[in-house]
PDB file of N, CA and C in Angstrom:
ATOM      1  N   MET A   1       0.847  -1.180   0.000  1.00  0.00           N
ATOM      2  CA  MET A   1       0.000   0.000   0.000  1.00  0.00           C
ATOM      3  C   MET A   1       0.895   1.246   0.000  1.00  0.00           C
ATOM      4  N   VAL A   2       0.515   2.215  -0.767  1.00  0.00           N
ATOM      5  CA  VAL A   2       1.265   3.463  -0.885  1.00  0.00           C
ATOM      6  C   VAL A   2       1.002   4.333   0.344  1.00  0.00           C
ATOM      7  N   THR A   3       2.060   4.930   0.866  1.00  0.00           N
ATOM      8  CA  THR A   3       1.913   5.847   1.996  1.00  0.00           C
ATOM      9  C   THR A   3       1.917   7.287   1.482  1.00  0.00           C
ATOM     10  N   PRO A   4       1.360   8.211   2.268  1.00  0.00           N
ATOM     11  CA  PRO A   4       1.425   9.616   1.870  1.00  0.00           C
ATOM     12  C   PRO A   4       2.870  10.083   1.670  1.00  0.00           C
ATOM     13  N   GLU A   5       3.793   9.572   2.478  1.00  0.00           N
ATOM     14  CA  GLU A   5       5.201   9.967   2.367  1.00  0.00           C
ATOM     15  C   GLU A   5       5.795   9.521   1.030  1.00  0.00           C
ATOM     16  N   GLN A   6       5.439   8.310   0.586  1.00  0.00           N
ATOM     17  CA  GLN A   6       5.926   7.826  -0.713  1.00  0.00           C
ATOM     18  C   GLN A   6       5.400   8.699  -1.841  1.00  0.00           C
ATOM     19  N   LEU A   7       4.119   8.992  -1.794  1.00  0.00           N
ATOM     20  CA  LEU A   7       3.510   9.812  -2.834  1.00  0.00           C
ATOM     21  C   LEU A   7       4.151  11.197  -2.859  1.00  0.00           C
ATOM     22  N   LYS A   8       4.396  11.758  -1.700  1.00  0.00           N
ATOM     23  CA  LYS A   8       5.061  13.064  -1.587  1.00  0.00           C
ATOM     24  C   LYS A   8       6.422  13.017  -2.276  1.00  0.00           C
ATOM     25  N   THR A   9       7.201  12.001  -2.005  1.00  0.00           N
ATOM     26  CA  THR A   9       8.527  11.853  -2.606  1.00  0.00           C
ATOM     27  C   THR A   9       8.436  11.721  -4.119  1.00  0.00           C
ATOM     28  N   TRP A  10       7.494  10.920  -4.597  1.00  0.00           N
ATOM     29  CA  TRP A  10       7.322  10.736  -6.040  1.00  0.00           C
ATOM     30  C   TRP A  10       6.998  12.058  -6.725  1.00  0.00           C
ATOM     31  N   ILE A  11       6.113  12.840  -6.126  1.00  0.00           N
ATOM     32  CA  ILE A  11       5.745  14.131  -6.714  1.00  0.00           C
ATOM     33  C   ILE A  11       6.949  15.065  -6.706  1.00  0.00           C
ATOM     34  N   GLU A  12       7.660  15.110  -5.592  1.00  0.00           N
ATOM     35  CA  GLU A  12       8.802  16.019  -5.472  1.00  0.00           C
ATOM     36  C   GLU A  12       9.883  15.745  -6.510  1.00  0.00           C
ATOM     37  N   THR A  13      10.033  14.495  -6.925  1.00  0.00           N
ATOM     38  CA  THR A  13      11.066  14.175  -7.920  1.00  0.00           C
ATOM     39  C   THR A  13      10.784  14.813  -9.267  1.00  0.00           C
ATOM     40  N   GLY A  14       9.553  15.185  -9.523  1.00  0.00           N
ATOM     41  CA  GLY A  14       9.200  15.788 -10.807  1.00  0.00           C
ATOM     42  C   GLY A  14       9.294  17.296 -10.845  1.00  0.00           C
ATOM     43  N   PHE A  15       9.669  17.911  -9.728  1.00  0.00           N
ATOM     44  CA  PHE A  15       9.711  19.367  -9.649  1.00  0.00           C
ATOM     45  C   PHE A  15      10.998  19.817  -8.970  1.00  0.00           C
ATOM     46  N   ALA A  16      11.524  20.947  -9.418  1.00  0.00           N
ATOM     47  CA  ALA A  16      12.808  21.435  -8.913  1.00  0.00           C
ATOM     48  C   ALA A  16      12.778  21.754  -7.416  1.00  0.00           C
ATOM     49  N   ASN A  17      11.859  22.584  -6.993  1.00  0.00           N
ATOM     50  CA  ASN A  17      11.810  23.027  -5.596  1.00  0.00           C
ATOM     51  C   ASN A  17      10.382  23.079  -5.083  1.00  0.00           C
ATOM     52  N   ALA A  18       9.647  22.027  -5.283  1.00  0.00           N
ATOM     53  CA  ALA A  18       8.238  22.026  -4.878  1.00  0.00           C
ATOM     54  C   ALA A  18       8.092  21.867  -3.376  1.00  0.00           C
ATOM     55  N   ASP A  19       7.063  22.494  -2.856  1.00  0.00           N
ATOM     56  CA  ASP A  19       6.636  22.290  -1.471  1.00  0.00           C
ATOM     57  C   ASP A  19       5.395  21.410  -1.564  1.00  0.00           C
ATOM     58  N   VAL A  20       5.494  20.181  -1.071  1.00  0.00           N
ATOM     59  CA  VAL A  20       4.426  19.202  -1.247  1.00  0.00           C
ATOM     60  C   VAL A  20       3.961  18.683   0.106  1.00  0.00           C
ATOM     61  N   SER A  21       2.654  18.641   0.286  1.00  0.00           N
ATOM     62  CA  SER A  21       2.091  17.975   1.463  1.00  0.00           C
ATOM     63  C   SER A  21       1.018  17.012   0.971  1.00  0.00           C
ATOM     64  N   VAL A  22       1.000  15.819   1.563  1.00  0.00           N
ATOM     65  CA  VAL A  22       0.069  14.775   1.122  1.00  0.00           C
ATOM     66  C   VAL A  22      -0.561  14.121   2.343  1.00  0.00           C
ATOM     67  N   GLU A  23      -1.856  13.906   2.260  1.00  0.00           N
ATOM     68  CA  GLU A  23      -2.595  13.143   3.270  1.00  0.00           C
ATOM     69  C   GLU A  23      -3.373  12.066   2.543  1.00  0.00           C
ATOM     70  N   GLY A  24      -3.585  10.942   3.210  1.00  0.00           N
ATOM     71  CA  GLY A  24      -4.366   9.899   2.568  1.00  0.00           C
ATOM     72  C   GLY A  24      -4.359   8.604   3.342  1.00  0.00           C
ATOM     73  N   ASP A  25      -5.141   7.649   2.828  1.00  0.00           N
ATOM     74  CA  ASP A  25      -5.337   6.375   3.521  1.00  0.00           C
ATOM     75  C   ASP A  25      -4.716   5.190   2.798  1.00  0.00           C
ATOM     76  N   GLY A  26      -3.878   5.466   1.795  1.00  0.00           N
ATOM     77  CA  GLY A  26      -3.273   4.379   1.036  1.00  0.00           C
ATOM     78  C   GLY A  26      -3.929   4.160  -0.312  1.00  0.00           C
ATOM     79  N   HIS A  27      -5.148   4.628  -0.474  1.00  0.00           N
ATOM     80  CA  HIS A  27      -5.868   4.502  -1.743  1.00  0.00           C
ATOM     81  C   HIS A  27      -6.317   5.864  -2.265  1.00  0.00           C
ATOM     82  N   HIS A  28      -6.816   6.699  -1.365  1.00  0.00           N
ATOM     83  CA  HIS A  28      -7.293   8.030  -1.717  1.00  0.00           C
ATOM     84  C   HIS A  28      -6.384   9.063  -1.045  1.00  0.00           C
ATOM     85  N   PHE A  29      -5.934  10.040  -1.849  1.00  0.00           N
ATOM     86  CA  PHE A  29      -4.980  11.026  -1.342  1.00  0.00           C
ATOM     87  C   PHE A  29      -5.418  12.433  -1.685  1.00  0.00           C
ATOM     88  N   GLU A  30      -4.988  13.366  -0.839  1.00  0.00           N
ATOM     89  CA  GLU A  30      -5.157  14.791  -1.091  1.00  0.00           C
ATOM     90  C   GLU A  30      -3.777  15.420  -1.000  1.00  0.00           C
ATOM     91  N   ALA A  31      -3.402  16.191  -2.026  1.00  0.00           N
ATOM     92  CA  ALA A  31      -2.084  16.810  -2.056  1.00  0.00           C
ATOM     93  C   ALA A  31      -2.200  18.307  -2.313  1.00  0.00           C
ATOM     94  N   VAL A  32      -1.326  19.054  -1.666  1.00  0.00           N
ATOM     95  CA  VAL A  32      -1.148  20.472  -1.963  1.00  0.00           C
ATOM     96  C   VAL A  32       0.274  20.587  -2.496  1.00  0.00           C
ATOM     97  N   ILE A  33       0.392  21.100  -3.708  1.00  0.00           N
ATOM     98  CA  ILE A  33       1.683  21.178  -4.372  1.00  0.00           C
ATOM     99  C   ILE A  33       1.929  22.632  -4.774  1.00  0.00           C
ATOM    100  N   VAL A  34       3.023  23.189  -4.277  1.00  0.00           N
ATOM    101  CA  VAL A  34       3.400  24.568  -4.589  1.00  0.00           C
ATOM    102  C   VAL A  34       4.702  24.498  -5.383  1.00  0.00           C
ATOM    103  N   ALA A  35       4.657  24.967  -6.641  1.00  0.00           N
ATOM    104  CA  ALA A  35       5.833  24.862  -7.504  1.00  0.00           C
ATOM    105  C   ALA A  35       5.886  26.008  -8.505  1.00  0.00           C
ATOM    106  N   ASP A  36       7.097  26.457  -8.785  1.00  0.00           N
ATOM    107  CA  ASP A  36       7.306  27.503  -9.793  1.00  0.00           C
ATOM    108  C   ASP A  36       6.840  27.060 -11.173  1.00  0.00           C
ATOM    109  N   GLU A  37       6.927  25.761 -11.451  1.00  0.00           N
ATOM    110  CA  GLU A  37       6.564  25.240 -12.766  1.00  0.00           C
ATOM    111  C   GLU A  37       5.105  25.480 -13.128  1.00  0.00           C
ATOM    112  N   PHE A  38       4.266  25.809 -12.153  1.00  0.00           N
ATOM    113  CA  PHE A  38       2.846  26.029 -12.415  1.00  0.00           C
ATOM    114  C   PHE A  38       2.544  27.434 -12.952  1.00  0.00           C
ATOM    115  N   ALA A  39       3.504  28.329 -12.898  1.00  0.00           N
ATOM    116  CA  ALA A  39       3.278  29.709 -13.348  1.00  0.00           C
ATOM    117  C   ALA A  39       2.850  29.726 -14.815  1.00  0.00           C
ATOM    118  N   GLY A  40       1.767  30.447 -15.092  1.00  0.00           N
ATOM    119  CA  GLY A  40       1.276  30.597 -16.452  1.00  0.00           C
ATOM    120  C   GLY A  40       0.525  29.397 -16.999  1.00  0.00           C
ATOM    121  N   LYS A  41       0.281  28.390 -16.158  1.00  0.00           N
ATOM    122  CA  LYS A  41      -0.395  27.166 -16.603  1.00  0.00           C
ATOM    123  C   LYS A  41      -1.840  27.148 -16.085  1.00  0.00           C
ATOM    124  N   THR A  42      -2.724  26.514 -16.863  1.00  0.00           N
ATOM    125  CA  THR A  42      -4.092  26.317 -16.413  1.00  0.00           C
ATOM    126  C   THR A  42      -4.112  25.210 -15.362  1.00  0.00           C
ATOM    127  N   ARG A  43      -5.227  25.051 -14.693  1.00  0.00           N
ATOM    128  CA  ARG A  43      -5.353  23.995 -13.690  1.00  0.00           C
ATOM    129  C   ARG A  43      -5.132  22.615 -14.327  1.00  0.00           C
ATOM    130  N   ILE A  44      -5.674  22.411 -15.502  1.00  0.00           N
ATOM    131  CA  ILE A  44      -5.497  21.126 -16.183  1.00  0.00           C
ATOM    132  C   ILE A  44      -4.027  20.891 -16.518  1.00  0.00           C
ATOM    133  N   GLN A  45      -3.350  21.905 -17.028  1.00  0.00           N
ATOM    134  CA  GLN A  45      -1.930  21.767 -17.349  1.00  0.00           C
ATOM    135  C   GLN A  45      -1.105  21.472 -16.097  1.00  0.00           C
ATOM    136  N   ARG A  46      -1.471  22.081 -14.999  1.00  0.00           N
ATOM    137  CA  ARG A  46      -0.767  21.844 -13.733  1.00  0.00           C
ATOM    138  C   ARG A  46      -0.947  20.395 -13.297  1.00  0.00           C
ATOM    139  N   HIS A  47      -2.168  19.905 -13.396  1.00  0.00           N
ATOM    140  CA  HIS A  47      -2.440  18.515 -13.012  1.00  0.00           C
ATOM    141  C   HIS A  47      -1.695  17.558 -13.942  1.00  0.00           C
ATOM    142  N   GLN A  48      -1.619  17.901 -15.214  1.00  0.00           N
ATOM    143  CA  GLN A  48      -0.876  17.058 -16.152  1.00  0.00           C
ATOM    144  C   GLN A  48       0.597  16.973 -15.774  1.00  0.00           C
ATOM    145  N   LEU A  49       1.167  18.063 -15.284  1.00  0.00           N
ATOM    146  CA  LEU A  49       2.560  18.042 -14.832  1.00  0.00           C
ATOM    147  C   LEU A  49       2.738  17.082 -13.651  1.00  0.00           C
ATOM    148  N   VAL A  50       1.776  17.084 -12.742  1.00  0.00           N
ATOM    149  CA  VAL A  50       1.845  16.178 -11.598  1.00  0.00           C
ATOM    150  C   VAL A  50       1.702  14.737 -12.064  1.00  0.00           C
ATOM    151  N   TYR A  51       0.746  14.481 -12.953  1.00  0.00           N
ATOM    152  CA  TYR A  51       0.565  13.126 -13.479  1.00  0.00           C
ATOM    153  C   TYR A  51       1.828  12.649 -14.197  1.00  0.00           C
ATOM    154  N   ALA A  52       2.480  13.549 -14.928  1.00  0.00           N
ATOM    155  CA  ALA A  52       3.726  13.190 -15.615  1.00  0.00           C
ATOM    156  C   ALA A  52       4.805  12.824 -14.609  1.00  0.00           C
ATOM    157  N   ALA A  53       4.865  13.549 -13.488  1.00  0.00           N
ATOM    158  CA  ALA A  53       5.853  13.237 -12.452  1.00  0.00           C
ATOM    159  C   ALA A  53       5.594  11.863 -11.847  1.00  0.00           C
ATOM    160  N   LEU A  54       4.331  11.494 -11.731  1.00  0.00           N
ATOM    161  CA  LEU A  54       3.979  10.201 -11.145  1.00  0.00           C
ATOM    162  C   LEU A  54       4.107   9.052 -12.144  1.00  0.00           C
ATOM    163  N   GLY A  55       3.966   9.353 -13.429  1.00  0.00           N
ATOM    164  CA  GLY A  55       4.103   8.326 -14.458  1.00  0.00           C
ATOM    165  C   GLY A  55       3.135   7.176 -14.254  1.00  0.00           C
ATOM    166  N   ASP A  56       3.633   5.952 -14.406  1.00  0.00           N
ATOM    167  CA  ASP A  56       2.795   4.760 -14.305  1.00  0.00           C
ATOM    168  C   ASP A  56       2.277   4.502 -12.892  1.00  0.00           C
ATOM    169  N   LYS A  57       2.884   5.141 -11.900  1.00  0.00           N
ATOM    170  CA  LYS A  57       2.414   4.953 -10.521  1.00  0.00           C
ATOM    171  C   LYS A  57       0.965   5.415 -10.373  1.00  0.00           C
ATOM    172  N   MET A  58       0.589   6.420 -11.163  1.00  0.00           N
ATOM    173  CA  MET A  58      -0.778   6.932 -11.086  1.00  0.00           C
ATOM    174  C   MET A  58      -1.760   5.883 -11.582  1.00  0.00           C
ATOM    175  N   LYS A  59      -1.358   5.067 -12.525  1.00  0.00           N
ATOM    176  CA  LYS A  59      -2.250   4.045 -13.069  1.00  0.00           C
ATOM    177  C   LYS A  59      -2.322   2.822 -12.164  1.00  0.00           C
ATOM    178  N   ALA A  60      -1.193   2.464 -11.586  1.00  0.00           N
ATOM    179  CA  ALA A  60      -1.122   1.191 -10.879  1.00  0.00           C
ATOM    180  C   ALA A  60      -1.225   1.298  -9.361  1.00  0.00           C
ATOM    181  N   GLU A  61      -0.602   2.310  -8.771  1.00  0.00           N
ATOM    182  CA  GLU A  61      -0.465   2.325  -7.318  1.00  0.00           C
ATOM    183  C   GLU A  61      -1.334   3.344  -6.590  1.00  0.00           C
ATOM    184  N   VAL A  62      -1.761   4.377  -7.284  1.00  0.00           N
ATOM    185  CA  VAL A  62      -2.570   5.426  -6.658  1.00  0.00           C
ATOM    186  C   VAL A  62      -3.971   5.355  -7.244  1.00  0.00           C
ATOM    187  N   HIS A  63      -4.948   5.090  -6.393  1.00  0.00           N
ATOM    188  CA  HIS A  63      -6.322   4.946  -6.868  1.00  0.00           C
ATOM    189  C   HIS A  63      -6.956   6.299  -7.156  1.00  0.00           C
ATOM    190  N   ALA A  64      -6.809   7.233  -6.243  1.00  0.00           N
ATOM    191  CA  ALA A  64      -7.438   8.542  -6.413  1.00  0.00           C
ATOM    192  C   ALA A  64      -6.560   9.619  -5.794  1.00  0.00           C
ATOM    193  N   LEU A  65      -6.396  10.718  -6.524  1.00  0.00           N
ATOM    194  CA  LEU A  65      -5.583  11.833  -6.048  1.00  0.00           C
ATOM    195  C   LEU A  65      -6.320  13.133  -6.304  1.00  0.00           C
ATOM    196  N   SER A  66      -6.622  13.824  -5.227  1.00  0.00           N
ATOM    197  CA  SER A  66      -7.191  15.155  -5.304  1.00  0.00           C
ATOM    198  C   SER A  66      -6.045  16.116  -5.032  1.00  0.00           C
ATOM    199  N   MET A  67      -5.894  17.134  -5.876  1.00  0.00           N
ATOM    200  CA  MET A  67      -4.760  18.018  -5.663  1.00  0.00           C
ATOM    201  C   MET A  67      -5.107  19.477  -5.821  1.00  0.00           C
ATOM    202  N   LYS A  68      -4.376  20.278  -5.058  1.00  0.00           N
ATOM    203  CA  LYS A  68      -4.431  21.721  -5.158  1.00  0.00           C
ATOM    204  C   LYS A  68      -3.049  22.131  -5.641  1.00  0.00           C
ATOM    205  N   THR A  69      -2.972  22.761  -6.803  1.00  0.00           N
ATOM    206  CA  THR A  69      -1.693  23.137  -7.393  1.00  0.00           C
ATOM    207  C   THR A  69      -1.582  24.652  -7.420  1.00  0.00           C
ATOM    208  N   LEU A  70      -0.524  25.166  -6.802  1.00  0.00           N
ATOM    209  CA  LEU A  70      -0.360  26.606  -6.651  1.00  0.00           C
ATOM    210  C   LEU A  70       1.062  27.031  -6.989  1.00  0.00           C
ATOM    211  N   THR A  71       1.209  28.277  -7.439  1.00  0.00           N
ATOM    212  CA  THR A  71       2.541  28.857  -7.556  1.00  0.00           C
ATOM    213  C   THR A  71       2.905  29.408  -6.179  1.00  0.00           C
ATOM    214  N   PRO A  72       4.177  29.688  -5.934  1.00  0.00           N
ATOM    215  CA  PRO A  72       4.541  30.284  -4.640  1.00  0.00           C
ATOM    216  C   PRO A  72       3.807  31.600  -4.372  1.00  0.00           C
ATOM    217  N   THR A  73       3.586  32.398  -5.408  1.00  0.00           N
ATOM    218  CA  THR A  73       2.865  33.667  -5.235  1.00  0.00           C
ATOM    219  C   THR A  73       1.423  33.429  -4.824  1.00  0.00           C
ATOM    220  N   GLU A  74       0.778  32.442  -5.427  1.00  0.00           N
ATOM    221  CA  GLU A  74      -0.611  32.126  -5.089  1.00  0.00           C
ATOM    222  C   GLU A  74      -0.720  31.562  -3.671  1.00  0.00           C
ATOM    223  N   HIS A  75       0.320  30.903  -3.222  1.00  0.00           N
ATOM    224  CA  HIS A  75       0.313  30.270  -1.917  1.00  0.00           C
ATOM    225  C   HIS A  75       0.679  31.242  -0.793  1.00  0.00           C
ATOM    226  N   ALA A  76       1.365  32.315  -1.138  1.00  0.00           N
ATOM    227  CA  ALA A  76       1.827  33.275  -0.127  1.00  0.00           C
ATOM    228  C   ALA A  76       0.649  33.940   0.571  1.00  0.00           C
ATOM    229  N   PRO A  77       0.740  34.084   1.889  1.00  0.00           N
ATOM    230  CA  PRO A  77      -0.333  34.780   2.613  1.00  0.00           C
ATOM    231  C   PRO A  77      -0.370  36.255   2.201  1.00  0.00           C
ATOM    232  N   GLU A  78      -1.570  36.770   2.199  1.00  0.00           N
ATOM    233  CA  GLU A  78      -1.737  38.174   1.780  1.00  0.00           C
ATOM    234  C   GLU A  78      -1.549  39.112   2.934  1.00  0.00           C
TER     235      GLU A  78
END
């Protein structure tokens, strides 16, 4: 069974300096991902970047992933 820590590590490998937090029960996960790579991208494009980082793991090992994808500017407190 996949742990939130494993999923966090997998996502982080696809981004230069991402801030990633993941919660979940081994099948269903919620992630908040803050990365510079999301700048200028639509929500769908951002999710595609995360799926690309996960590769085949998304098909085989992760059943469901809900994610919030933000740039550092969007994540910064006002």
